[in-house]
Amino acid sequence: MKKFLAIMLISLLAISATALAAPGRNERIQVLVGFDGSHGRQAIHKAGGRIEKEFGFINAAKVSIPAQAVEGLSKGQGIRYVELDAQAYALEQTVPWGISAVNAPPVHQANQYGAGINVAILDTGILLAHEDLIVWGGWDTFGTGSYNDDNGHGTHVAGTVAAVDNQLGVIGAAPQAKL
């Protein structure tokens, strides 16, 4: 009887240790899933996933899913791709294609950066706290009491025109112009 209890105790401990040593068995991870057709959402649910956010403009979704189900999901009907969701960071200032398209880099190489030029952006405003922009002033045309951008488009346009040369984000066509 003692031998039987000892074997049962050892077996129980071994099973417990195995369960504890198997990390990720129930771990959920965040992935980005691209859809190819209309069945992709069904494949996510079938794999035990949960759609956290939809991105209609690229036909994809952010999905929370058990880690062990990712490979099966990637082969599911209506799934174009499955990628681990990760934060991406730009490591240095970049020259956007639009700046190259207007031939600003050769102008910058000639030490012409728009100093002394005042530019008005007639758009949705400019995000006043943006790290790439220095806003010298503005005018509220909507009567809200602020020209701080609540849409993003005006900030994008302002960056194309005059994002400063600060080794962050992007550089504008005239980085020393006053917005």
N, C-alpha and C. Protein backbone atom coordinates (compact mmCIF):
# COMPACT_ATOMS: atom_id res chain seq x y z
N MET A 1 0.82 -1.19 0.00
CA MET A 1 0.00 0.00 0.00
C MET A 1 0.86 1.26 0.00
N LYS A 2 1.96 1.24 0.79
CA LYS A 2 2.85 2.39 0.82
C LYS A 2 3.48 2.60 -0.55
N LYS A 3 3.83 1.49 -1.19
CA LYS A 3 4.42 1.58 -2.52
C LYS A 3 3.43 2.20 -3.51
N PHE A 4 2.18 1.81 -3.42
CA PHE A 4 1.12 2.33 -4.29
C PHE A 4 0.94 3.83 -4.06
N LEU A 5 0.89 4.27 -2.79
CA LEU A 5 0.74 5.69 -2.47
C LEU A 5 1.94 6.50 -2.95
N ALA A 6 3.12 5.92 -2.82
CA ALA A 6 4.33 6.61 -3.26
C ALA A 6 4.31 6.80 -4.77
N ILE A 7 3.91 5.76 -5.49
CA ILE A 7 3.83 5.86 -6.96
C ILE A 7 2.76 6.89 -7.35
N MET A 8 1.64 6.89 -6.69
CA MET A 8 0.57 7.86 -6.98
C MET A 8 1.05 9.29 -6.70
N LEU A 9 1.75 9.47 -5.59
CA LEU A 9 2.25 10.80 -5.23
C LEU A 9 3.27 11.28 -6.25
N ILE A 10 4.18 10.42 -6.65
CA ILE A 10 5.19 10.78 -7.65
C ILE A 10 4.51 11.09 -8.98
N SER A 11 3.53 10.29 -9.37
CA SER A 11 2.80 10.52 -10.62
C SER A 11 2.08 11.86 -10.58
N LEU A 12 1.43 12.15 -9.47
CA LEU A 12 0.71 13.41 -9.31
C LEU A 12 1.67 14.59 -9.39
N LEU A 13 2.81 14.49 -8.73
CA LEU A 13 3.81 15.56 -8.79
C LEU A 13 4.35 15.74 -10.21
N ALA A 14 4.58 14.63 -10.90
CA ALA A 14 5.09 14.70 -12.27
C ALA A 14 4.08 15.38 -13.19
N ILE A 15 2.83 15.04 -13.03
CA ILE A 15 1.78 15.65 -13.86
C ILE A 15 1.68 17.14 -13.55
N SER A 16 1.72 17.51 -12.29
CA SER A 16 1.65 18.92 -11.90
C SER A 16 2.83 19.69 -12.44
N ALA A 17 4.03 19.12 -12.33
CA ALA A 17 5.23 19.79 -12.82
C ALA A 17 5.16 19.98 -14.33
N THR A 18 4.68 18.98 -15.05
CA THR A 18 4.54 19.08 -16.49
C THR A 18 3.57 20.19 -16.87
N ALA A 19 2.47 20.29 -16.17
CA ALA A 19 1.47 21.33 -16.46
C ALA A 19 2.05 22.71 -16.19
N LEU A 20 2.83 22.84 -15.10
CA LEU A 20 3.41 24.13 -14.78
C LEU A 20 4.57 24.47 -15.71
N ALA A 21 5.27 23.48 -16.19
CA ALA A 21 6.42 23.71 -17.05
C ALA A 21 6.03 23.92 -18.51
N ALA A 22 4.78 23.88 -18.83
CA ALA A 22 4.34 24.06 -20.21
C ALA A 22 3.77 25.46 -20.39
N PRO A 23 4.65 26.48 -20.36
CA PRO A 23 4.15 27.84 -20.51
C PRO A 23 3.59 28.05 -21.91
N GLY A 24 2.62 28.93 -21.99
CA GLY A 24 2.04 29.27 -23.28
C GLY A 24 0.92 28.36 -23.72
N ARG A 25 0.64 27.33 -22.96
CA ARG A 25 -0.42 26.40 -23.38
C ARG A 25 -1.73 27.15 -23.55
N ASN A 26 -2.04 28.04 -22.63
CA ASN A 26 -3.26 28.84 -22.73
C ASN A 26 -2.95 30.31 -23.01
N GLU A 27 -1.68 30.60 -23.29
CA GLU A 27 -1.28 31.98 -23.52
C GLU A 27 -1.91 32.52 -24.80
N ARG A 28 -2.47 33.72 -24.71
CA ARG A 28 -3.04 34.38 -25.88
C ARG A 28 -2.04 35.43 -26.36
N ILE A 29 -1.92 35.54 -27.65
CA ILE A 29 -1.03 36.54 -28.23
C ILE A 29 -1.83 37.42 -29.19
N GLN A 30 -1.25 38.54 -29.54
CA GLN A 30 -1.88 39.48 -30.47
C GLN A 30 -1.24 39.29 -31.84
N VAL A 31 -2.06 39.09 -32.86
CA VAL A 31 -1.58 38.95 -34.24
C VAL A 31 -2.39 39.86 -35.15
N LEU A 32 -1.83 40.15 -36.30
CA LEU A 32 -2.54 40.86 -37.35
C LEU A 32 -2.88 39.84 -38.42
N VAL A 33 -4.14 39.82 -38.82
CA VAL A 33 -4.62 38.84 -39.77
C VAL A 33 -5.17 39.56 -40.99
N GLY A 34 -4.63 39.21 -42.17
CA GLY A 34 -5.11 39.76 -43.42
C GLY A 34 -6.13 38.81 -44.03
N PHE A 35 -7.21 39.35 -44.52
CA PHE A 35 -8.29 38.53 -45.07
C PHE A 35 -8.18 38.42 -46.59
N ASP A 36 -8.57 37.26 -47.08
CA ASP A 36 -8.65 37.00 -48.51
C ASP A 36 -10.03 36.41 -48.76
N GLY A 37 -11.00 37.26 -48.90
CA GLY A 37 -12.36 36.79 -49.07
C GLY A 37 -13.17 36.96 -47.80
N SER A 38 -14.31 36.31 -47.77
CA SER A 38 -15.27 36.54 -46.68
C SER A 38 -15.22 35.50 -45.56
N HIS A 39 -14.41 34.44 -45.71
CA HIS A 39 -14.42 33.37 -44.72
C HIS A 39 -13.37 33.54 -43.62
N GLY A 40 -12.54 34.55 -43.72
CA GLY A 40 -11.45 34.74 -42.76
C GLY A 40 -11.92 34.92 -41.33
N ARG A 41 -12.99 35.68 -41.14
CA ARG A 41 -13.49 35.92 -39.79
C ARG A 41 -13.98 34.62 -39.15
N GLN A 42 -14.58 33.76 -39.96
CA GLN A 42 -15.03 32.46 -39.44
C GLN A 42 -13.84 31.61 -39.03
N ALA A 43 -12.76 31.67 -39.79
CA ALA A 43 -11.55 30.90 -39.46
C ALA A 43 -10.96 31.38 -38.14
N ILE A 44 -11.03 32.68 -37.87
CA ILE A 44 -10.52 33.22 -36.60
C ILE A 44 -11.32 32.64 -35.44
N HIS A 45 -12.62 32.69 -35.54
CA HIS A 45 -13.47 32.17 -34.46
C HIS A 45 -13.29 30.67 -34.28
N LYS A 46 -13.13 29.95 -35.39
CA LYS A 46 -12.94 28.50 -35.33
C LYS A 46 -11.62 28.16 -34.63
N ALA A 47 -10.61 29.02 -34.76
CA ALA A 47 -9.31 28.79 -34.13
C ALA A 47 -9.27 29.27 -32.68
N GLY A 48 -10.38 29.79 -32.19
CA GLY A 48 -10.43 30.28 -30.81
C GLY A 48 -9.97 31.71 -30.66
N GLY A 49 -9.89 32.42 -31.79
CA GLY A 49 -9.46 33.82 -31.75
C GLY A 49 -10.61 34.78 -31.52
N ARG A 50 -10.23 36.00 -31.16
CA ARG A 50 -11.21 37.06 -30.91
C ARG A 50 -10.71 38.32 -31.62
N ILE A 51 -11.54 38.89 -32.48
CA ILE A 51 -11.17 40.10 -33.20
C ILE A 51 -11.22 41.27 -32.23
N GLU A 52 -10.07 41.96 -32.10
CA GLU A 52 -9.96 43.11 -31.21
C GLU A 52 -10.24 44.42 -31.94
N LYS A 53 -9.78 44.51 -33.20
CA LYS A 53 -9.95 45.74 -33.97
C LYS A 53 -9.91 45.41 -35.45
N GLU A 54 -10.79 46.02 -36.22
CA GLU A 54 -10.83 45.82 -37.68
C GLU A 54 -10.17 47.00 -38.38
N PHE A 55 -9.46 46.70 -39.46
CA PHE A 55 -8.84 47.71 -40.31
C PHE A 55 -9.41 47.55 -41.71
N GLY A 56 -10.55 48.19 -41.95
CA GLY A 56 -11.25 48.02 -43.22
C GLY A 56 -10.47 48.47 -44.43
N PHE A 57 -9.62 49.48 -44.26
CA PHE A 57 -8.90 50.02 -45.39
C PHE A 57 -7.83 49.07 -45.93
N ILE A 58 -7.42 48.08 -45.13
CA ILE A 58 -6.47 47.08 -45.62
C ILE A 58 -7.03 45.66 -45.52
N ASN A 59 -8.31 45.54 -45.19
CA ASN A 59 -8.98 44.24 -45.06
C ASN A 59 -8.22 43.31 -44.12
N ALA A 60 -8.02 43.79 -42.89
CA ALA A 60 -7.27 43.03 -41.88
C ALA A 60 -7.85 43.32 -40.51
N ALA A 61 -7.38 42.56 -39.51
CA ALA A 61 -7.85 42.75 -38.14
C ALA A 61 -6.74 42.42 -37.16
N LYS A 62 -6.81 43.06 -35.99
CA LYS A 62 -5.96 42.70 -34.86
C LYS A 62 -6.73 41.63 -34.09
N VAL A 63 -6.07 40.51 -33.81
CA VAL A 63 -6.74 39.35 -33.23
C VAL A 63 -6.00 38.86 -32.00
N SER A 64 -6.73 38.53 -30.97
CA SER A 64 -6.20 37.85 -29.79
C SER A 64 -6.50 36.36 -29.99
N ILE A 65 -5.45 35.53 -29.90
CA ILE A 65 -5.62 34.11 -30.22
C ILE A 65 -4.68 33.27 -29.37
N PRO A 66 -5.08 32.04 -29.03
CA PRO A 66 -4.14 31.16 -28.32
C PRO A 66 -2.89 30.95 -29.17
N ALA A 67 -1.72 31.01 -28.55
CA ALA A 67 -0.45 30.92 -29.28
C ALA A 67 -0.37 29.64 -30.12
N GLN A 68 -0.86 28.54 -29.59
CA GLN A 68 -0.74 27.28 -30.31
C GLN A 68 -1.68 27.19 -31.51
N ALA A 69 -2.60 28.15 -31.68
CA ALA A 69 -3.56 28.11 -32.78
C ALA A 69 -3.13 28.93 -33.98
N VAL A 70 -2.02 29.66 -33.87
CA VAL A 70 -1.61 30.57 -34.93
C VAL A 70 -1.29 29.83 -36.23
N GLU A 71 -0.54 28.75 -36.14
CA GLU A 71 -0.16 28.02 -37.36
C GLU A 71 -1.39 27.51 -38.10
N GLY A 72 -2.34 26.97 -37.36
CA GLY A 72 -3.57 26.47 -37.99
C GLY A 72 -4.36 27.59 -38.62
N LEU A 73 -4.41 28.74 -37.93
CA LEU A 73 -5.15 29.88 -38.48
C LEU A 73 -4.53 30.34 -39.80
N SER A 74 -3.21 30.33 -39.88
CA SER A 74 -2.55 30.82 -41.09
C SER A 74 -2.91 29.97 -42.32
N LYS A 75 -3.39 28.75 -42.09
CA LYS A 75 -3.79 27.88 -43.19
C LYS A 75 -5.30 27.87 -43.40
N GLY A 76 -6.02 28.70 -42.62
CA GLY A 76 -7.47 28.72 -42.69
C GLY A 76 -8.00 29.35 -43.97
N GLN A 77 -9.21 28.96 -44.32
CA GLN A 77 -9.86 29.51 -45.51
C GLN A 77 -10.14 31.00 -45.31
N GLY A 78 -9.78 31.78 -46.30
CA GLY A 78 -10.03 33.22 -46.25
C GLY A 78 -8.95 34.00 -45.52
N ILE A 79 -7.84 33.35 -45.16
CA ILE A 79 -6.74 34.03 -44.46
C ILE A 79 -5.60 34.26 -45.45
N ARG A 80 -5.20 35.51 -45.62
CA ARG A 80 -4.10 35.85 -46.52
C ARG A 80 -2.76 35.76 -45.77
N TYR A 81 -2.72 36.31 -44.54
CA TYR A 81 -1.49 36.25 -43.75
C TYR A 81 -1.83 36.39 -42.28
N VAL A 82 -0.90 35.92 -41.43
CA VAL A 82 -0.97 36.09 -39.98
C VAL A 82 0.42 36.53 -39.53
N GLU A 83 0.49 37.69 -38.89
CA GLU A 83 1.77 38.23 -38.42
C GLU A 83 1.64 38.61 -36.96
N LEU A 84 2.72 38.45 -36.22
CA LEU A 84 2.76 38.89 -34.83
C LEU A 84 2.58 40.40 -34.79
N ASP A 85 1.71 40.89 -33.93
CA ASP A 85 1.49 42.33 -33.79
C ASP A 85 2.62 42.88 -32.95
N ALA A 86 3.36 43.81 -33.50
CA ALA A 86 4.49 44.40 -32.79
C ALA A 86 4.55 45.89 -33.06
N GLN A 87 5.04 46.63 -32.10
CA GLN A 87 5.22 48.06 -32.25
C GLN A 87 6.44 48.31 -33.14
N ALA A 88 6.30 49.17 -34.12
CA ALA A 88 7.41 49.51 -35.01
C ALA A 88 7.83 50.94 -34.74
N TYR A 89 9.12 51.17 -34.75
CA TYR A 89 9.65 52.50 -34.50
C TYR A 89 10.60 52.90 -35.63
N ALA A 90 10.48 54.12 -36.08
CA ALA A 90 11.45 54.65 -37.03
C ALA A 90 12.69 55.03 -36.23
N LEU A 91 13.84 54.61 -36.68
CA LEU A 91 15.06 54.85 -35.93
C LEU A 91 15.75 56.14 -36.30
N GLU A 92 15.39 56.73 -37.40
CA GLU A 92 16.01 57.98 -37.79
C GLU A 92 15.04 58.77 -38.65
N GLN A 93 15.36 60.01 -38.83
CA GLN A 93 14.54 60.87 -39.67
C GLN A 93 14.54 60.35 -41.10
N THR A 94 13.40 60.42 -41.74
CA THR A 94 13.30 59.95 -43.12
C THR A 94 12.87 61.08 -44.04
N VAL A 95 13.14 60.88 -45.31
CA VAL A 95 12.70 61.82 -46.34
C VAL A 95 11.52 61.15 -47.04
N PRO A 96 10.30 61.64 -46.81
CA PRO A 96 9.13 61.02 -47.45
C PRO A 96 9.20 61.13 -48.97
N TRP A 97 8.49 60.23 -49.64
CA TRP A 97 8.52 60.22 -51.10
C TRP A 97 8.06 61.55 -51.70
N GLY A 98 7.11 62.22 -51.05
CA GLY A 98 6.60 63.49 -51.57
C GLY A 98 7.66 64.58 -51.56
N ILE A 99 8.53 64.54 -50.57
CA ILE A 99 9.61 65.54 -50.49
C ILE A 99 10.61 65.30 -51.62
N SER A 100 10.92 64.03 -51.86
CA SER A 100 11.80 63.70 -53.00
C SER A 100 11.12 64.07 -54.32
N ALA A 101 9.80 63.84 -54.40
CA ALA A 101 9.07 64.10 -55.65
C ALA A 101 9.08 65.57 -56.04
N VAL A 102 9.17 66.48 -55.06
CA VAL A 102 9.22 67.91 -55.38
C VAL A 102 10.66 68.42 -55.44
N ASN A 103 11.60 67.46 -55.46
CA ASN A 103 13.03 67.78 -55.58
C ASN A 103 13.57 68.64 -54.44
N ALA A 104 13.05 68.46 -53.24
CA ALA A 104 13.55 69.21 -52.09
C ALA A 104 14.95 68.81 -51.65
N PRO A 105 15.34 67.53 -51.69
CA PRO A 105 16.70 67.18 -51.24
C PRO A 105 17.82 67.96 -51.94
N PRO A 106 17.79 68.14 -53.27
CA PRO A 106 18.85 68.95 -53.89
C PRO A 106 18.82 70.41 -53.41
N VAL A 107 17.63 70.91 -53.11
CA VAL A 107 17.52 72.28 -52.59
C VAL A 107 18.12 72.35 -51.19
N HIS A 108 17.86 71.32 -50.37
CA HIS A 108 18.45 71.27 -49.03
C HIS A 108 19.98 71.19 -49.12
N GLN A 109 20.49 70.42 -50.07
CA GLN A 109 21.94 70.30 -50.23
C GLN A 109 22.57 71.63 -50.61
N ALA A 110 21.78 72.52 -51.20
CA ALA A 110 22.25 73.87 -51.54
C ALA A 110 22.02 74.84 -50.38
N ASN A 111 21.76 74.29 -49.19
CA ASN A 111 21.53 75.08 -47.96
C ASN A 111 20.33 76.02 -48.06
N GLN A 112 19.30 75.59 -48.77
CA GLN A 112 18.06 76.35 -48.84
C GLN A 112 16.99 75.57 -48.10
N TYR A 113 16.52 76.13 -46.96
CA TYR A 113 15.57 75.42 -46.10
C TYR A 113 14.29 76.20 -45.84
N GLY A 114 14.09 77.29 -46.56
CA GLY A 114 12.86 78.05 -46.39
C GLY A 114 12.90 79.10 -45.29
N ALA A 115 14.08 79.46 -44.81
CA ALA A 115 14.19 80.47 -43.77
C ALA A 115 13.59 81.79 -44.26
N GLY A 116 12.83 82.44 -43.38
CA GLY A 116 12.21 83.71 -43.72
C GLY A 116 10.89 83.59 -44.46
N ILE A 117 10.43 82.38 -44.73
CA ILE A 117 9.17 82.17 -45.44
C ILE A 117 8.07 81.87 -44.43
N ASN A 118 6.93 82.53 -44.55
CA ASN A 118 5.76 82.25 -43.73
C ASN A 118 4.77 81.44 -44.57
N VAL A 119 4.23 80.36 -43.99
CA VAL A 119 3.31 79.49 -44.71
C VAL A 119 2.03 79.31 -43.91
N ALA A 120 0.89 79.50 -44.55
CA ALA A 120 -0.40 79.26 -43.92
C ALA A 120 -0.93 77.91 -44.41
N ILE A 121 -1.34 77.09 -43.48
CA ILE A 121 -1.94 75.80 -43.81
C ILE A 121 -3.45 75.96 -43.61
N LEU A 122 -4.21 75.96 -44.69
CA LEU A 122 -5.66 76.11 -44.61
C LEU A 122 -6.26 74.71 -44.66
N ASP A 123 -6.43 74.12 -43.51
CA ASP A 123 -6.83 72.72 -43.43
C ASP A 123 -7.52 72.49 -42.09
N THR A 124 -7.34 71.31 -41.51
CA THR A 124 -8.03 70.94 -40.27
C THR A 124 -7.31 71.42 -39.01
N GLY A 125 -6.27 72.22 -39.19
CA GLY A 125 -5.47 72.71 -38.07
C GLY A 125 -4.10 72.06 -38.10
N ILE A 126 -3.32 72.29 -37.04
CA ILE A 126 -2.00 71.68 -36.89
C ILE A 126 -1.88 71.22 -35.44
N LEU A 127 -1.43 70.00 -35.25
CA LEU A 127 -1.23 69.48 -33.90
C LEU A 127 -0.11 70.27 -33.25
N LEU A 128 -0.45 71.08 -32.27
CA LEU A 128 0.49 72.02 -31.69
C LEU A 128 1.63 71.33 -30.94
N ALA A 129 1.42 70.14 -30.42
CA ALA A 129 2.44 69.45 -29.64
C ALA A 129 3.27 68.48 -30.49
N HIS A 130 3.16 68.53 -31.80
CA HIS A 130 3.88 67.58 -32.67
C HIS A 130 5.38 67.84 -32.61
N GLU A 131 6.17 66.78 -32.43
CA GLU A 131 7.62 66.91 -32.26
C GLU A 131 8.35 67.38 -33.51
N ASP A 132 7.73 67.26 -34.67
CA ASP A 132 8.37 67.66 -35.92
C ASP A 132 7.93 69.04 -36.41
N LEU A 133 7.04 69.69 -35.68
CA LEU A 133 6.50 70.97 -36.15
C LEU A 133 6.69 72.08 -35.12
N ILE A 134 7.03 73.26 -35.63
CA ILE A 134 7.06 74.47 -34.80
C ILE A 134 5.99 75.38 -35.36
N VAL A 135 4.97 75.61 -34.57
CA VAL A 135 3.83 76.42 -35.02
C VAL A 135 3.97 77.81 -34.41
N TRP A 136 4.08 78.80 -35.27
CA TRP A 136 4.29 80.17 -34.83
C TRP A 136 2.99 80.90 -34.55
N GLY A 137 1.90 80.42 -35.06
CA GLY A 137 0.62 81.07 -34.84
C GLY A 137 -0.44 80.42 -35.70
N GLY A 138 -1.66 80.91 -35.53
CA GLY A 138 -2.74 80.34 -36.31
C GLY A 138 -4.02 81.13 -36.16
N TRP A 139 -5.02 80.70 -36.86
CA TRP A 139 -6.32 81.38 -36.85
C TRP A 139 -7.41 80.31 -36.82
N ASP A 140 -8.32 80.44 -35.88
CA ASP A 140 -9.43 79.50 -35.75
C ASP A 140 -10.57 79.97 -36.65
N THR A 141 -10.80 79.28 -37.75
CA THR A 141 -11.86 79.68 -38.67
C THR A 141 -13.20 79.05 -38.36
N PHE A 142 -13.23 78.08 -37.42
CA PHE A 142 -14.48 77.40 -37.09
C PHE A 142 -15.14 77.92 -35.82
N GLY A 143 -14.47 78.80 -35.11
CA GLY A 143 -15.05 79.37 -33.89
C GLY A 143 -14.99 78.43 -32.70
N THR A 144 -14.09 77.44 -32.73
CA THR A 144 -13.97 76.50 -31.61
C THR A 144 -13.03 77.02 -30.52
N GLY A 145 -12.27 78.08 -30.84
CA GLY A 145 -11.34 78.62 -29.87
C GLY A 145 -9.93 78.05 -30.00
N SER A 146 -9.71 77.16 -30.97
CA SER A 146 -8.39 76.54 -31.12
C SER A 146 -8.16 76.15 -32.58
N TYR A 147 -6.93 76.24 -33.01
CA TYR A 147 -6.55 75.72 -34.33
C TYR A 147 -5.73 74.44 -34.18
N ASN A 148 -5.79 73.82 -33.00
CA ASN A 148 -5.13 72.54 -32.77
C ASN A 148 -5.88 71.46 -33.58
N ASP A 149 -5.16 70.69 -34.36
CA ASP A 149 -5.74 69.71 -35.28
C ASP A 149 -6.41 68.56 -34.53
N ASP A 150 -7.67 68.30 -34.84
CA ASP A 150 -8.38 67.16 -34.24
C ASP A 150 -8.70 66.10 -35.30
N ASN A 151 -8.06 66.23 -36.48
CA ASN A 151 -8.34 65.33 -37.59
C ASN A 151 -7.07 64.63 -38.08
N GLY A 152 -5.98 65.36 -38.17
CA GLY A 152 -4.72 64.79 -38.61
C GLY A 152 -4.28 65.22 -39.99
N HIS A 153 -5.23 65.58 -40.84
CA HIS A 153 -4.86 65.93 -42.21
C HIS A 153 -4.05 67.22 -42.27
N GLY A 154 -4.48 68.23 -41.55
CA GLY A 154 -3.75 69.50 -41.54
C GLY A 154 -2.33 69.33 -41.01
N THR A 155 -2.17 68.47 -40.00
CA THR A 155 -0.85 68.19 -39.43
C THR A 155 0.02 67.51 -40.48
N HIS A 156 -0.54 66.57 -41.22
CA HIS A 156 0.20 65.89 -42.29
C HIS A 156 0.66 66.90 -43.34
N VAL A 157 -0.22 67.77 -43.75
CA VAL A 157 0.12 68.78 -44.75
C VAL A 157 1.21 69.70 -44.20
N ALA A 158 1.06 70.14 -42.95
CA ALA A 158 2.06 71.01 -42.34
C ALA A 158 3.42 70.33 -42.28
N GLY A 159 3.44 69.02 -42.01
CA GLY A 159 4.70 68.27 -41.98
C GLY A 159 5.34 68.18 -43.35
N THR A 160 4.53 68.01 -44.37
CA THR A 160 5.06 67.97 -45.74
C THR A 160 5.72 69.29 -46.08
N VAL A 161 5.12 70.38 -45.62
CA VAL A 161 5.66 71.70 -45.92
C VAL A 161 6.87 72.01 -45.05
N ALA A 162 6.77 71.83 -43.73
CA ALA A 162 7.80 72.40 -42.86
C ALA A 162 8.18 71.55 -41.65
N ALA A 163 8.16 70.23 -41.76
CA ALA A 163 8.66 69.40 -40.65
C ALA A 163 10.13 69.74 -40.45
N VAL A 164 10.51 70.01 -39.21
CA VAL A 164 11.87 70.49 -38.91
C VAL A 164 12.91 69.38 -39.08
N ASP A 165 14.13 69.80 -39.33
CA ASP A 165 15.26 68.89 -39.48
C ASP A 165 15.83 68.63 -38.09
N ASN A 166 15.22 67.66 -37.37
CA ASN A 166 15.59 67.40 -35.97
C ASN A 166 16.00 65.95 -35.72
N GLN A 167 16.27 65.21 -36.78
CA GLN A 167 16.67 63.80 -36.69
C GLN A 167 15.56 62.90 -36.15
N LEU A 168 14.31 63.39 -36.12
CA LEU A 168 13.15 62.60 -35.71
C LEU A 168 12.15 62.59 -36.86
N GLY A 169 11.35 61.55 -36.92
CA GLY A 169 10.24 61.52 -37.87
C GLY A 169 10.63 61.76 -39.29
N VAL A 170 10.17 62.88 -39.87
CA VAL A 170 10.42 63.21 -41.28
C VAL A 170 10.97 64.63 -41.38
N ILE A 171 11.38 65.00 -42.56
CA ILE A 171 11.80 66.37 -42.84
C ILE A 171 10.87 66.92 -43.91
N GLY A 172 10.51 68.19 -43.79
CA GLY A 172 9.63 68.81 -44.75
C GLY A 172 10.38 69.45 -45.91
N ALA A 173 9.62 69.97 -46.86
CA ALA A 173 10.22 70.63 -48.03
C ALA A 173 10.94 71.91 -47.63
N ALA A 174 10.41 72.62 -46.64
CA ALA A 174 11.01 73.88 -46.19
C ALA A 174 11.07 73.85 -44.65
N PRO A 175 12.01 73.11 -44.07
CA PRO A 175 12.01 72.88 -42.62
C PRO A 175 12.25 74.12 -41.76
N GLN A 176 12.70 75.21 -42.35
CA GLN A 176 12.89 76.43 -41.56
C GLN A 176 11.79 77.47 -41.80
N ALA A 177 10.80 77.12 -42.60
CA ALA A 177 9.67 78.03 -42.83
C ALA A 177 8.84 78.13 -41.55
N LYS A 178 8.16 79.26 -41.39
CA LYS A 178 7.31 79.47 -40.22
C LYS A 178 5.88 79.08 -40.56
N LEU A 179 5.32 78.18 -39.75
CA LEU A 179 3.91 77.78 -39.93
C LEU A 179 3.02 78.71 -39.15
